[in-house]
Amino acid sequence: MLLLVMVPLIGYGNINKEGLPLMSVYNDKDSLSFEHDIKRFSSGLKFGLPYMAVIGAQYTLPFFNNHFAPYFDYSQYSYEDLNREAQFRFSEWGISYFLRKKGKGIYLGLSNSNLSYQANFTNIILMNDSKGSGIGEVDMRTTNLRLGMKTGGTLYFRIEIGYGFGNLPKEVTFTATDDFNTKYTELTTKDIPGIDGVSDNGMLVGNLGFGFSF
């Protein structure tokens, strides 16, 4: 009878000493796998205002409970008309704060951006009745506030709306050089082509996008 009573007690003691550490390891693994479910790096395309298309990357920081995600966007496109070859470049860097879920869901964004315009002007009528050419360049810098939503998963979709605050020029001033007498130069001002969503005081931000998260 004494032997029958002791066996269960020995078995229970082994569970306390060996089983509980195993349960702790499993809990740690569950916690780690939960963190691994967060896809920290995202890269994709966005289409909208003020650019036609932009490529971007975002990384969810493993600090502050995984709610902050810095990002960078870049776009470049060119066009040509009779007297002008122009190029626009858009770059933006900022940070998003996801309100509830980590790395996905609704978020607020704060960023700085630069929409630069550079054009090679030709056939400029100068004051000496000759023709000249020159290169004009201007930077349109804004501070942007955004509200957006990003889905989770490996393939994600996002939508954003916001506004960029800044004093944006409508003209570009540059030095034009006489095509036949390079010693003659003249300060010239030309209009910047209209950009959808851009006004003197700022620019609208609105886009749809998709990409992949890892």
Protein backbone atom coordinates (compact mmCIF):
# COMPACT_ATOMS: atom_id res chain seq x y z
CA MET A 1 0.00 0.00 0.00
CA LEU A 2 2.82 2.39 0.81
CA LEU A 3 4.38 1.86 -2.64
CA LEU A 4 1.09 2.65 -4.40
CA VAL A 5 0.79 5.95 -2.58
CA MET A 6 4.37 7.06 -3.28
CA VAL A 7 4.29 6.54 -7.05
CA PRO A 8 1.74 9.29 -7.82
CA LEU A 9 3.61 11.65 -5.51
CA ILE A 10 6.88 11.08 -7.38
CA GLY A 11 5.13 11.59 -10.74
CA TYR A 12 3.58 14.86 -9.54
CA GLY A 13 6.95 16.08 -8.39
CA ASN A 14 8.48 15.44 -11.80
CA ILE A 15 5.72 17.44 -13.46
CA ASN A 16 6.42 20.38 -11.19
CA LYS A 17 10.15 20.34 -11.88
CA GLU A 18 10.18 19.42 -15.56
CA GLY A 19 6.73 20.13 -16.99
CA LEU A 20 6.48 23.73 -15.85
CA PRO A 21 9.75 24.81 -17.52
CA LEU A 22 8.50 23.23 -20.74
CA MET A 23 5.26 25.21 -20.47
CA SER A 24 7.32 28.37 -19.98
CA VAL A 25 9.32 27.63 -23.14
CA TYR A 26 6.13 27.12 -25.12
CA ASN A 27 4.78 30.44 -23.85
CA ASP A 28 8.00 32.16 -24.91
CA LYS A 29 7.72 30.62 -28.36
CA ASP A 30 4.14 31.80 -28.64
CA SER A 31 5.23 35.31 -27.71
CA LEU A 32 8.05 35.24 -30.25
CA SER A 33 5.82 33.92 -33.00
CA PHE A 34 3.39 36.73 -32.26
CA GLU A 35 6.15 39.28 -32.86
CA HIS A 36 7.22 37.45 -36.03
CA ASP A 37 3.69 37.88 -37.38
CA ILE A 38 4.44 41.61 -37.76
CA LYS A 39 5.69 42.21 -41.30
CA ARG A 40 8.11 45.06 -40.71
CA PHE A 41 9.29 45.96 -44.22
CA SER A 42 6.88 47.07 -46.94
CA SER A 43 7.57 48.23 -50.48
CA GLY A 44 5.18 49.15 -53.25
CA LEU A 45 3.60 51.68 -55.63
CA LYS A 46 1.16 54.54 -55.08
CA PHE A 47 -0.88 56.35 -57.74
CA GLY A 48 -2.48 59.75 -57.23
CA LEU A 49 -1.77 63.40 -56.34
CA PRO A 50 0.51 65.32 -56.62
CA TYR A 51 2.50 62.71 -58.56
CA MET A 52 1.29 60.26 -61.16
CA ALA A 53 3.11 57.29 -59.62
CA VAL A 54 5.58 56.89 -56.78
CA ILE A 55 7.60 53.99 -55.40
CA GLY A 56 7.97 53.78 -51.64
CA ALA A 57 9.37 51.78 -48.74
CA GLN A 58 8.35 51.58 -45.09
CA TYR A 59 9.78 49.90 -41.99
CA THR A 60 7.85 49.25 -38.78
CA LEU A 61 10.12 49.95 -35.82
CA PRO A 62 10.43 47.25 -33.12
CA PHE A 63 10.10 49.97 -30.46
CA PHE A 64 7.13 51.80 -28.92
CA ASN A 65 4.98 48.69 -29.26
CA ASN A 66 5.44 48.53 -33.06
CA HIS A 67 3.22 51.50 -33.83
CA PHE A 68 5.73 53.80 -35.59
CA ALA A 69 6.89 53.27 -39.18
CA PRO A 70 9.28 55.64 -41.03
CA TYR A 71 8.92 55.71 -44.82
CA PHE A 72 10.44 57.16 -48.00
CA ASP A 73 8.75 57.81 -51.38
CA TYR A 74 10.30 58.78 -54.72
CA SER A 75 8.94 59.62 -58.16
CA GLN A 76 10.34 61.07 -61.38
CA TYR A 77 8.75 61.83 -64.74
CA SER A 78 9.56 63.94 -67.77
CA TYR A 79 7.71 65.64 -70.60
CA GLU A 80 8.59 67.64 -73.70
CA ASP A 81 6.85 70.35 -75.70
CA LEU A 82 7.88 72.74 -78.48
CA ASN A 83 10.12 75.03 -76.42
CA ARG A 84 10.77 73.04 -73.26
CA GLU A 85 12.14 69.75 -71.97
CA ALA A 86 11.12 69.42 -68.34
CA GLN A 87 11.49 66.95 -65.51
CA PHE A 88 9.69 66.64 -62.19
CA ARG A 89 11.16 64.82 -59.18
CA PHE A 90 9.19 64.07 -56.03
CA SER A 91 10.75 62.83 -52.80
CA GLU A 92 9.18 62.47 -49.37
CA TRP A 93 10.39 61.21 -46.02
CA GLY A 94 8.31 60.91 -42.88
CA ILE A 95 6.81 58.65 -40.23
CA SER A 96 3.43 56.98 -39.77
CA TYR A 97 1.73 56.15 -36.48
CA PHE A 98 -0.66 53.18 -36.55
CA LEU A 99 -3.49 53.90 -34.13
CA ARG A 100 -4.61 50.46 -32.99
CA LYS A 101 -3.00 47.55 -34.79
CA LYS A 102 0.73 47.09 -35.25
CA GLY A 103 2.01 47.90 -38.74
CA LYS A 104 -1.47 47.90 -40.32
CA GLY A 105 -4.89 49.52 -40.07
CA ILE A 106 -5.61 53.23 -39.74
CA TYR A 107 -2.62 55.54 -39.37
CA LEU A 108 -1.60 59.19 -39.20
CA GLY A 109 1.42 60.47 -41.12
CA LEU A 110 3.76 63.45 -40.78
CA SER A 111 6.36 64.14 -43.48
CA ASN A 112 8.45 66.61 -45.46
CA SER A 113 8.44 66.50 -49.25
CA ASN A 114 10.10 68.24 -52.18
CA LEU A 115 8.58 68.49 -55.64
CA SER A 116 11.39 69.84 -57.82
CA TYR A 117 10.94 71.19 -61.33
CA GLN A 118 13.79 71.49 -63.83
CA ALA A 119 13.38 72.54 -67.45
CA ASN A 120 15.62 73.27 -70.42
CA PHE A 121 13.95 76.25 -72.14
CA THR A 122 14.68 77.00 -75.79
CA ASN A 123 13.61 79.61 -78.34
CA ILE A 124 13.33 82.31 -75.68
CA ILE A 125 12.73 85.73 -77.22
CA LEU A 126 15.30 88.09 -75.66
CA MET A 127 15.14 91.86 -75.33
CA ASN A 128 17.80 92.25 -78.04
CA ASP A 129 15.41 90.52 -80.48
CA SER A 130 17.54 87.40 -80.52
CA LYS A 131 16.74 83.90 -79.32
CA GLY A 132 18.23 82.29 -76.27
CA SER A 133 18.05 79.26 -74.00
CA GLY A 134 18.53 78.44 -70.35
CA ILE A 135 17.86 75.99 -67.55
CA GLY A 136 15.35 76.82 -64.84
CA GLU A 137 14.99 74.91 -61.58
CA VAL A 138 12.83 75.42 -58.50
CA ASP A 139 12.00 73.37 -55.39
CA MET A 140 8.46 73.18 -53.99
CA ARG A 141 8.78 72.06 -50.36
CA THR A 142 5.86 71.16 -48.11
CA THR A 143 5.10 69.71 -44.68
CA ASN A 144 2.43 67.03 -45.08
CA LEU A 145 -0.25 65.60 -42.81
CA ARG A 146 -1.84 62.33 -43.89
CA LEU A 147 -4.63 59.99 -42.85
CA GLY A 148 -4.42 56.50 -44.30
CA MET A 149 -5.33 52.85 -44.03
CA LYS A 150 -3.09 49.88 -44.83
CA THR A 151 -4.15 46.25 -44.92
CA GLY A 152 -2.07 43.43 -43.45
CA GLY A 153 -0.69 40.34 -45.10
CA THR A 154 2.09 39.74 -47.60
CA LEU A 155 0.16 41.57 -50.35
CA TYR A 156 -1.17 44.85 -48.96
CA PHE A 157 -3.34 47.69 -50.19
CA ARG A 158 -3.45 51.25 -48.88
CA ILE A 159 -5.36 54.49 -49.32
CA GLU A 160 -4.24 57.96 -48.19
CA ILE A 161 -5.60 61.49 -48.09
CA GLY A 162 -4.01 64.63 -46.73
CA TYR A 163 -2.62 68.08 -47.35
CA GLY A 164 0.84 69.60 -47.77
CA PHE A 165 1.46 73.05 -46.28
CA GLY A 166 3.94 75.37 -47.98
CA ASN A 167 4.44 78.51 -50.04
CA LEU A 168 4.70 77.04 -53.53
CA PRO A 169 6.00 79.13 -56.46
CA LYS A 170 4.13 79.30 -59.76
CA GLU A 171 7.07 80.69 -61.74
CA VAL A 172 10.72 79.87 -62.25
CA THR A 173 13.40 82.53 -62.78
CA PHE A 174 16.70 81.74 -64.51
CA THR A 175 19.42 83.22 -66.70
CA ALA A 176 18.91 82.87 -70.47
CA THR A 177 21.91 83.00 -72.80
CA ASP A 178 21.84 84.32 -76.36
CA ASP A 179 22.22 81.39 -78.78
CA PHE A 180 24.37 83.49 -81.16
CA ASN A 181 26.27 85.63 -78.63
CA THR A 182 27.05 83.71 -75.44
CA LYS A 183 28.33 86.87 -73.77
CA TYR A 184 24.81 88.26 -73.69
CA THR A 185 22.61 86.96 -70.86
CA GLU A 186 19.24 88.00 -69.58
CA LEU A 187 17.20 87.20 -66.45
CA THR A 188 14.02 85.42 -67.57
CA THR A 189 10.86 84.25 -65.81
CA LYS A 190 8.63 81.43 -67.05
CA ASP A 191 5.46 79.80 -65.70
CA ILE A 192 5.67 76.37 -64.10
CA PRO A 193 3.20 73.97 -65.75
CA GLY A 194 0.08 73.36 -63.70
CA ILE A 195 0.17 70.29 -61.44
CA ASP A 196 -3.09 68.69 -60.31
CA GLY A 197 -3.78 69.44 -56.67
CA VAL A 198 -1.03 72.07 -56.30
CA SER A 199 -1.86 75.70 -55.46
CA ASP A 200 0.09 78.71 -54.18
CA ASN A 201 -0.49 77.73 -50.54
CA GLY A 202 -0.03 73.96 -50.62
CA MET A 203 -1.02 70.74 -52.29
CA LEU A 204 -3.61 68.03 -51.95
CA VAL A 205 -2.36 64.52 -51.20
CA GLY A 206 -4.45 61.56 -52.29
CA ASN A 207 -3.50 58.13 -53.56
CA LEU A 208 -4.20 54.43 -53.82
CA GLY A 209 -1.40 51.90 -53.55
CA PHE A 210 -0.38 48.30 -53.21
CA GLY A 211 2.77 46.31 -52.56
CA PHE A 212 4.39 43.52 -50.58
CA SER A 213 5.31 43.19 -46.91
CA PHE A 214 7.99 40.91 -45.46
